[in-house]
C-alpha atoms as a PDB file:
ATOM      1  CA  MET A   1       0.007   7.926 -10.361  1.00  0.00           C
ATOM      2  CA  GLN A   2       2.077   7.362 -13.485  1.00  0.00           C
ATOM      3  CA  LEU A   3       4.069   4.148 -13.385  1.00  0.00           C
ATOM      4  CA  PRO A   4       7.661   4.146 -14.634  1.00  0.00           C
ATOM      5  CA  GLN A   5       8.263   2.388 -18.209  1.00  0.00           C
ATOM      6  CA  LEU A   6       7.761  -1.097 -17.460  1.00  0.00           C
ATOM      7  CA  GLN A   7       8.982  -4.471 -19.155  1.00  0.00           C
ATOM      8  CA  SER A   8       7.690  -7.890 -18.356  1.00  0.00           C
ATOM      9  CA  ALA A   9       9.492 -11.116 -17.337  1.00  0.00           C
ATOM     10  CA  THR A  10       8.618 -14.355 -15.561  1.00  0.00           C
ATOM     11  CA  LEU A  11       9.345 -14.673 -11.770  1.00  0.00           C
ATOM     12  CA  ILE A  12      11.735 -17.606 -10.820  1.00  0.00           C
ATOM     13  CA  ARG A  13      12.090 -16.762  -7.072  1.00  0.00           C
ATOM     14  CA  ARG A  14      12.204 -14.155  -4.512  1.00  0.00           C
ATOM     15  CA  TYR A  15      14.910 -14.459  -1.756  1.00  0.00           C
ATOM     16  CA  LYS A  16      16.633 -12.433   0.901  1.00  0.00           C
ATOM     17  CA  ARG A  17      13.648 -10.156   1.054  1.00  0.00           C
ATOM     18  CA  PHE A  18      15.152  -7.603  -1.414  1.00  0.00           C
ATOM     19  CA  LEU A  19      16.014  -9.806  -4.224  1.00  0.00           C
ATOM     20  CA  ALA A  20      14.342 -11.686  -7.111  1.00  0.00           C
ATOM     21  CA  ASP A  21      15.522 -13.754 -10.131  1.00  0.00           C
ATOM     22  CA  ILE A  22      13.430 -13.303 -13.297  1.00  0.00           C
ATOM     23  CA  GLU A  23      13.667 -14.823 -16.806  1.00  0.00           C
ATOM     24  CA  LEU A  24      13.508 -12.339 -19.637  1.00  0.00           C
ATOM     25  CA  THR A  25      11.593 -12.898 -22.714  1.00  0.00           C
ATOM     26  CA  ASN A  26      14.829 -13.712 -24.504  1.00  0.00           C
ATOM     27  CA  GLY A  27      15.644 -16.498 -21.823  1.00  0.00           C
ATOM     28  CA  GLU A  28      18.207 -14.297 -19.933  1.00  0.00           C
ATOM     29  CA  ILE A  29      18.030 -14.544 -16.268  1.00  0.00           C
ATOM     30  CA  ILE A  30      18.758 -11.422 -14.172  1.00  0.00           C
ATOM     31  CA  THR A  31      18.578 -10.316 -10.447  1.00  0.00           C
ATOM     32  CA  ILE A  32      16.323  -7.361  -9.680  1.00  0.00           C
ATOM     33  CA  HIS A  33      15.628  -5.323  -6.450  1.00  0.00           C
ATOM     34  CA  CYS A  34      12.397  -6.038  -4.515  1.00  0.00           C
ATOM     35  CA  ALA A  35      11.133  -2.929  -2.692  1.00  0.00           C
ATOM     36  CA  ASN A  36       8.785  -4.948  -0.370  1.00  0.00           C
ATOM     37  CA  THR A  37       9.700  -6.136   3.076  1.00  0.00           C
ATOM     38  CA  GLY A  38       6.381  -7.914   3.655  1.00  0.00           C
ATOM     39  CA  ALA A  39       5.462 -11.633   3.171  1.00  0.00           C
ATOM     40  CA  MET A  40       3.995 -10.839  -0.309  1.00  0.00           C
ATOM     41  CA  THR A  41       1.417 -13.592   0.167  1.00  0.00           C
ATOM     42  CA  GLY A  42      -0.124 -14.581  -3.130  1.00  0.00           C
ATOM     43  CA  CYS A  43       1.624 -12.025  -5.188  1.00  0.00           C
ATOM     44  CA  GLY A  44       5.074 -13.472  -5.615  1.00  0.00           C
ATOM     45  CA  GLU A  45       4.790 -17.028  -6.753  1.00  0.00           C
ATOM     46  CA  LYS A  46       7.012 -18.800  -9.126  1.00  0.00           C
ATOM     47  CA  GLY A  47       5.711 -18.393 -12.860  1.00  0.00           C
ATOM     48  CA  ASP A  48       3.856 -15.101 -12.213  1.00  0.00           C
ATOM     49  CA  THR A  49       4.502 -12.383 -14.573  1.00  0.00           C
ATOM     50  CA  VAL A  50       6.753  -9.598 -13.170  1.00  0.00           C
ATOM     51  CA  TRP A  51       6.648  -6.048 -14.616  1.00  0.00           C
ATOM     52  CA  TYR A  52       9.970  -4.249 -13.708  1.00  0.00           C
ATOM     53  CA  SER A  53      11.544  -0.884 -14.188  1.00  0.00           C
ATOM     54  CA  ASP A  54      15.108   0.031 -15.057  1.00  0.00           C
ATOM     55  CA  SER A  55      16.690   2.867 -13.379  1.00  0.00           C
ATOM     56  CA  ARG A  56      19.408   3.038 -15.869  1.00  0.00           C
ATOM     57  CA  SER A  57      21.846   3.659 -12.981  1.00  0.00           C
ATOM     58  CA  ALA A  58      25.494   2.713 -13.453  1.00  0.00           C
ATOM     59  CA  THR A  59      26.127   2.803  -9.608  1.00  0.00           C
ATOM     60  CA  ARG A  60      23.317   0.607  -8.652  1.00  0.00           C
ATOM     61  CA  LYS A  61      24.198  -3.061  -8.001  1.00  0.00           C
ATOM     62  CA  TYR A  62      20.747  -3.929  -9.111  1.00  0.00           C
ATOM     63  CA  PRO A  63      19.373  -1.374 -11.533  1.00  0.00           C
ATOM     64  CA  HIS A  64      16.173  -3.069 -12.187  1.00  0.00           C
ATOM     65  CA  SER A  65      13.250  -2.832  -9.723  1.00  0.00           C
ATOM     66  CA  TRP A  66      10.211  -5.241  -9.432  1.00  0.00           C
ATOM     67  CA  GLU A  67       7.034  -2.885  -9.593  1.00  0.00           C
ATOM     68  CA  LEU A  68       4.090  -5.166 -10.381  1.00  0.00           C
ATOM     69  CA  THR A  69       3.036  -8.708 -10.299  1.00  0.00           C
ATOM     70  CA  GLN A  70       0.424  -9.851 -12.933  1.00  0.00           C
ATOM     71  CA  LEU A  71      -1.214 -12.984 -11.338  1.00  0.00           C
ATOM     72  CA  LYS A  72      -2.289 -16.011 -13.374  1.00  0.00           C
ATOM     73  CA  ASN A  73      -5.787 -14.735 -13.258  1.00  0.00           C
ATOM     74  CA  GLY A  74      -4.848 -11.540 -14.881  1.00  0.00           C
ATOM     75  CA  GLN A  75      -5.114  -9.303 -11.695  1.00  0.00           C
ATOM     76  CA  LEU A  76      -2.324  -6.729 -11.145  1.00  0.00           C
ATOM     77  CA  VAL A  77      -0.685  -6.035  -7.842  1.00  0.00           C
ATOM     78  CA  CYS A  78       1.920  -3.246  -7.195  1.00  0.00           C
ATOM     79  CA  ILE A  79       4.421  -4.911  -4.841  1.00  0.00           C
ATOM     80  CA  ASN A  80       6.704  -1.857  -4.587  1.00  0.00           C
ATOM     81  CA  THR A  81       5.109  -0.535  -1.443  1.00  0.00           C
ATOM     82  CA  HIS A  82       7.001   2.679  -1.623  1.00  0.00           C
ATOM     83  CA  ARG A  83       4.407   3.658  -4.240  1.00  0.00           C
ATOM     84  CA  SER A  84       1.376   3.742  -1.649  1.00  0.00           C
ATOM     85  CA  ASN A  85       2.371   6.977  -0.081  1.00  0.00           C
ATOM     86  CA  GLN A  86       3.047   8.445  -3.600  1.00  0.00           C
ATOM     87  CA  LEU A  87      -0.438   7.089  -4.765  1.00  0.00           C
ATOM     88  CA  THR A  88      -2.052   8.485  -1.697  1.00  0.00           C
ATOM     89  CA  PHE A  89      -0.457  11.860  -1.773  1.00  0.00           C
ATOM     90  CA  GLU A  90      -1.565  12.360  -5.423  1.00  0.00           C
ATOM     91  CA  ALA A  91      -5.180  11.374  -4.424  1.00  0.00           C
ATOM     92  CA  LEU A  92      -5.098  13.876  -1.565  1.00  0.00           C
ATOM     93  CA  GLN A  93      -3.907  16.663  -3.902  1.00  0.00           C
ATOM     94  CA  ASN A  94      -6.657  15.793  -6.413  1.00  0.00           C
ATOM     95  CA  LYS A  95      -9.378  15.549  -3.746  1.00  0.00           C
ATOM     96  CA  GLN A  96      -9.980  11.895  -4.703  1.00  0.00           C
ATOM     97  CA  ILE A  97     -10.413  10.830  -1.131  1.00  0.00           C
ATOM     98  CA  LYS A  98     -13.821  12.308  -0.452  1.00  0.00           C
ATOM     99  CA  GLU A  99     -13.544  11.798   3.423  1.00  0.00           C
ATOM    100  CA  LEU A 100     -10.292  14.065   3.448  1.00  0.00           C
ATOM    101  CA  ALA A 101     -11.097  16.320   0.462  1.00  0.00           C
ATOM    102  CA  MET A 102     -11.797  19.298   2.694  1.00  0.00           C
ATOM    103  CA  TYR A 103      -8.112  19.879   3.677  1.00  0.00           C
ATOM    104  CA  GLU A 104      -5.822  22.242   1.755  1.00  0.00           C
ATOM    105  CA  GLU A 105      -2.333  21.664   3.313  1.00  0.00           C
ATOM    106  CA  ILE A 106      -0.660  18.246   3.115  1.00  0.00           C
ATOM    107  CA  TYR A 107       2.425  17.612   5.120  1.00  0.00           C
ATOM    108  CA  PRO A 108       4.379  14.258   4.537  1.00  0.00           C
ATOM    109  CA  GLU A 109       6.412  12.391   7.093  1.00  0.00           C
ATOM    110  CA  VAL A 110       5.754  14.527  10.167  1.00  0.00           C
ATOM    111  CA  LYS A 111       7.387  13.507  13.462  1.00  0.00           C
ATOM    112  CA  TYR A 112       4.758  12.850  16.134  1.00  0.00           C
ATOM    113  CA  GLY A 113       3.604  10.702  19.031  1.00  0.00           C
ATOM    114  CA  GLU A 114       5.342   9.300  22.162  1.00  0.00           C
ATOM    115  CA  GLU A 115       6.956   6.167  20.350  1.00  0.00           C
ATOM    116  CA  ASN A 116       9.299   8.061  17.831  1.00  0.00           C
ATOM    117  CA  SER A 117       7.027   7.834  15.019  1.00  0.00           C
ATOM    118  CA  ARG A 118       6.397   9.705  11.758  1.00  0.00           C
ATOM    119  CA  ILE A 119       2.803  10.153  10.394  1.00  0.00           C
ATOM    120  CA  ASP A 120       2.425   9.651   6.614  1.00  0.00           C
ATOM    121  CA  PHE A 121       0.369  12.654   6.142  1.00  0.00           C
ATOM    122  CA  LEU A 122      -0.576  15.615   8.455  1.00  0.00           C
ATOM    123  CA  LEU A 123      -3.591  17.374   7.044  1.00  0.00           C
ATOM    124  CA  LYS A 124      -4.478  20.965   7.927  1.00  0.00           C
ATOM    125  CA  GLY A 125      -7.219  23.347   6.982  1.00  0.00           C
ATOM    126  CA  LYS A 126      -8.892  26.631   8.026  1.00  0.00           C
ATOM    127  CA  ASP A 127     -11.378  25.967  10.897  1.00  0.00           C
ATOM    128  CA  LEU A 128     -10.677  22.167  10.628  1.00  0.00           C
ATOM    129  CA  LEU A 129      -9.399  19.803  13.121  1.00  0.00           C
ATOM    130  CA  ASP A 130      -5.637  18.496  12.182  1.00  0.00           C
ATOM    131  CA  CYS A 131      -5.938  15.317  10.674  1.00  0.00           C
ATOM    132  CA  TYR A 132      -3.165  12.561  11.073  1.00  0.00           C
ATOM    133  CA  VAL A 133      -3.384   9.986   8.298  1.00  0.00           C
ATOM    134  CA  GLU A 134      -1.565   6.580   8.510  1.00  0.00           C
ATOM    135  CA  VAL A 135      -1.305   4.761   5.043  1.00  0.00           C
ATOM    136  CA  LYS A 136      -1.316   1.000   4.872  1.00  0.00           C
ATOM    137  CA  SER A 137      -0.751  -0.919   1.584  1.00  0.00           C
ATOM    138  CA  VAL A 138      -3.266  -3.702   0.604  1.00  0.00           C
ATOM    139  CA  THR A 139      -1.735  -6.443  -1.592  1.00  0.00           C
ATOM    140  CA  LEU A 140      -3.374  -9.524   0.049  1.00  0.00           C
ATOM    141  CA  VAL A 141      -6.573 -10.608  -1.636  1.00  0.00           C
ATOM    142  CA  LYS A 142      -8.730 -13.602  -1.174  1.00  0.00           C
ATOM    143  CA  ASN A 143     -12.008 -14.220  -2.822  1.00  0.00           C
ATOM    144  CA  ASN A 144     -12.245 -10.659  -3.888  1.00  0.00           C
ATOM    145  CA  ILE A 145     -11.573  -9.409  -0.427  1.00  0.00           C
ATOM    146  CA  GLY A 146      -8.700  -7.151   0.290  1.00  0.00           C
ATOM    147  CA  MET A 147      -6.891  -7.765   3.601  1.00  0.00           C
ATOM    148  CA  PHE A 148      -4.266  -6.174   5.783  1.00  0.00           C
ATOM    149  CA  PRO A 149      -1.818  -7.272   7.063  1.00  0.00           C
ATOM    150  CA  ASP A 150      -0.085 -10.112   5.156  1.00  0.00           C
ATOM    151  CA  ALA A 151       2.318 -10.651   8.141  1.00  0.00           C
ATOM    152  CA  VAL A 152       2.537  -9.703  11.835  1.00  0.00           C
ATOM    153  CA  THR A 153       3.051  -5.976  12.048  1.00  0.00           C
ATOM    154  CA  THR A 154       4.335  -4.644  15.415  1.00  0.00           C
ATOM    155  CA  ARG A 155       4.954  -1.319  13.562  1.00  0.00           C
ATOM    156  CA  GLY A 156       1.406  -1.267  12.494  1.00  0.00           C
ATOM    157  CA  GLN A 157       0.173  -1.978  16.068  1.00  0.00           C
ATOM    158  CA  LYS A 158       2.583   0.972  17.246  1.00  0.00           C
ATOM    159  CA  HIS A 159       0.929   3.309  14.648  1.00  0.00           C
ATOM    160  CA  LEU A 160      -2.599   2.419  15.883  1.00  0.00           C
ATOM    161  CA  ARG A 161      -1.572   3.379  19.474  1.00  0.00           C
ATOM    162  CA  GLU A 162      -0.045   6.670  18.218  1.00  0.00           C
ATOM    163  CA  LEU A 163      -3.413   7.408  16.289  1.00  0.00           C
ATOM    164  CA  MET A 164      -5.465   6.726  19.454  1.00  0.00           C
ATOM    165  CA  ALA A 165      -3.322   9.176  21.422  1.00  0.00           C
ATOM    166  CA  MET A 166      -3.795  11.888  18.797  1.00  0.00           C
ATOM    167  CA  LYS A 167      -7.512  11.321  18.861  1.00  0.00           C
ATOM    168  CA  LYS A 168      -7.555  11.645  22.624  1.00  0.00           C
ATOM    169  CA  LEU A 169      -5.834  14.968  22.162  1.00  0.00           C
ATOM    170  CA  GLY A 170      -8.741  16.315  20.081  1.00  0.00           C
ATOM    171  CA  HIS A 171      -7.361  15.628  16.288  1.00  0.00           C
ATOM    172  CA  ARG A 172      -8.845  13.449  13.613  1.00  0.00           C
ATOM    173  CA  ALA A 173      -6.915  10.200  13.263  1.00  0.00           C
ATOM    174  CA  VAL A 174      -7.282   8.099  10.238  1.00  0.00           C
ATOM    175  CA  VAL A 175      -6.017   4.652   9.081  1.00  0.00           C
ATOM    176  CA  PHE A 176      -6.080   4.760   5.081  1.00  0.00           C
ATOM    177  CA  PHE A 177      -5.864   1.345   3.496  1.00  0.00           C
ATOM    178  CA  ALA A 178      -4.537   2.014  -0.066  1.00  0.00           C
ATOM    179  CA  GLY A 179      -5.305  -0.657  -2.573  1.00  0.00           C
ATOM    180  CA  LEU A 180      -2.276  -1.627  -4.645  1.00  0.00           C
ATOM    181  CA  HIS A 181      -4.256  -4.636  -6.024  1.00  0.00           C
ATOM    182  CA  ASP A 182      -7.166  -4.357  -8.514  1.00  0.00           C
ATOM    183  CA  GLY A 183      -8.851  -7.602  -7.504  1.00  0.00           C
ATOM    184  CA  PHE A 184     -10.972  -6.721  -4.478  1.00  0.00           C
ATOM    185  CA  ASP A 185     -14.224  -4.983  -3.926  1.00  0.00           C
ATOM    186  CA  CYS A 186     -14.440  -5.003  -0.117  1.00  0.00           C
ATOM    187  CA  PHE A 187     -11.868  -5.175   2.736  1.00  0.00           C
ATOM    188  CA  LYS A 188     -11.257  -6.630   6.132  1.00  0.00           C
ATOM    189  CA  ILE A 189      -8.429  -7.163   8.701  1.00  0.00           C
ATOM    190  CA  ALA A 190      -6.665 -10.416   8.338  1.00  0.00           C
ATOM    191  CA  GLU A 191      -7.172 -11.368  11.999  1.00  0.00           C
ATOM    192  CA  TYR A 192      -5.888 -14.837  11.479  1.00  0.00           C
ATOM    193  CA  ILE A 193      -2.401 -13.414  10.506  1.00  0.00           C
ATOM    194  CA  ASP A 194      -2.108 -10.652  13.293  1.00  0.00           C
ATOM    195  CA  PRO A 195      -5.089 -10.956  16.012  1.00  0.00           C
ATOM    196  CA  ASP A 196      -3.225  -8.249  18.001  1.00  0.00           C
ATOM    197  CA  TYR A 197      -3.504  -5.818  15.014  1.00  0.00           C
ATOM    198  CA  ASP A 198      -7.188  -6.736  14.615  1.00  0.00           C
ATOM    199  CA  ALA A 199      -7.899  -6.165  18.378  1.00  0.00           C
ATOM    200  CA  LEU A 200      -6.168  -2.754  18.450  1.00  0.00           C
ATOM    201  CA  LEU A 201      -8.105  -1.575  15.395  1.00  0.00           C
ATOM    202  CA  CYS A 202     -11.275  -2.608  16.973  1.00  0.00           C
ATOM    203  CA  GLN A 203     -10.272  -0.502  19.940  1.00  0.00           C
ATOM    204  CA  ALA A 204      -9.196   2.385  17.783  1.00  0.00           C
ATOM    205  CA  LEU A 205     -12.539   2.473  16.086  1.00  0.00           C
ATOM    206  CA  ASN A 206     -14.387   2.542  19.338  1.00  0.00           C
ATOM    207  CA  GLU A 207     -12.107   5.448  20.334  1.00  0.00           C
ATOM    208  CA  GLY A 208     -12.932   7.392  17.185  1.00  0.00           C
ATOM    209  CA  VAL A 209     -10.078   6.639  14.964  1.00  0.00           C
ATOM    210  CA  GLU A 210     -11.458   6.671  11.291  1.00  0.00           C
ATOM    211  CA  VAL A 211     -10.713   3.817   8.812  1.00  0.00           C
ATOM    212  CA  TYR A 212     -11.165   3.936   5.034  1.00  0.00           C
ATOM    213  CA  ALA A 213     -10.241   1.463   2.320  1.00  0.00           C
ATOM    214  CA  TYR A 214      -9.893   2.291  -1.408  1.00  0.00           C
ATOM    215  CA  ALA A 215      -9.274  -0.206  -4.136  1.00  0.00           C
ATOM    216  CA  GLY A 216      -6.813   0.209  -6.857  1.00  0.00           C
ATOM    217  CA  LYS A 217      -7.289   0.572 -10.639  1.00  0.00           C
ATOM    218  CA  PHE A 218      -4.682   0.113 -13.349  1.00  0.00           C
ATOM    219  CA  ASP A 219      -4.583   1.871 -16.660  1.00  0.00           C
ATOM    220  CA  ILE A 220      -3.253  -0.315 -19.432  1.00  0.00           C
ATOM    221  CA  LEU A 221      -1.967   0.944 -22.727  1.00  0.00           C
ATOM    222  CA  ASN A 222      -1.032  -1.559 -25.573  1.00  0.00           C
ATOM    223  CA  GLY A 223      -1.077  -4.384 -22.898  1.00  0.00           C
ATOM    224  CA  ILE A 224       1.400  -2.455 -20.625  1.00  0.00           C
ATOM    225  CA  PRO A 225       0.280  -1.095 -17.059  1.00  0.00           C
ATOM    226  CA  THR A 226       0.886   2.702 -17.285  1.00  0.00           C
ATOM    227  CA  ALA A 227      -0.870   4.256 -14.289  1.00  0.00           C
ATOM    228  CA  LEU A 228      -2.508   3.305 -10.821  1.00  0.00           C
ATOM    229  CA  SER A 229      -5.238   5.204  -9.195  1.00  0.00           C
ATOM    230  CA  LEU A 230      -7.626   5.074  -6.180  1.00  0.00           C
ATOM    231  CA  THR A 231     -11.052   5.551  -7.655  1.00  0.00           C
ATOM    232  CA  GLN A 232     -13.304   3.017  -5.963  1.00  0.00           C
ATOM    233  CA  VAL A 233     -14.393   3.177  -2.364  1.00  0.00           C
ATOM    234  CA  VAL A 234     -14.767  -0.385  -0.776  1.00  0.00           C
ATOM    235  CA  PRO A 235     -16.955  -1.375   2.227  1.00  0.00           C
ATOM    236  CA  TYR A 236     -15.052  -1.986   5.294  1.00  0.00           C
ATOM    237  CA  ILE A 237     -15.761  -5.563   6.723  1.00  0.00           C
ATOM    238  CA  GLY A 238     -14.893  -5.990  10.287  1.00  0.00           C
ATOM    239  CA  LYS A 239     -15.923  -5.621  13.918  1.00  0.00           C
ATOM    240  CA  ARG A 240     -16.944  -2.031  14.832  1.00  0.00           C
END
């Protein structure tokens, strides 16, 4: 996935969930939009390097968007969680997710289930079971372990219930954890943050829902991040 043209700045603070103040290299302070409703644990600390894009829109109140954080250890995190579906869609198109590479038809944002949900991707193929794929962004990393979620997610719990229902109806059901962080090589559920999600995922696994986690990899050109891809399969750590 190609990233928009990015510029760097220093993070001063994030506030009101959707706003952040940053200091540009010339010392100017501006407010930018933050497209992340989560806790952003570990990837939004004062003094971190922010990579932001410019929509060049004259109508947007905040035309600049926070795209990436570069941590003090040099690792990169895509905090714009809207990018996770774009990243996964391209990986599906390019057959880079080996467990799902047999499907030819990809339908995004399809209504389904009994709880008024939309599946991120419905996959179809000749002589194949329909496959319901729910994408979750991985931005929380500790000790080289990617984790989800970074805050209690009742929405994520609902999605697991919907996937279990689809599995019972005879379809494939998949939770796909997309790495928006380049600092992990294995994955687990952050049960200490959301024990209910952890318990539901264990139940889902026991009922045949599939779980896959892929790490992220950034391309860098002249010191500037230019692309993000899903290229490395990481082991799933958790109760089976």
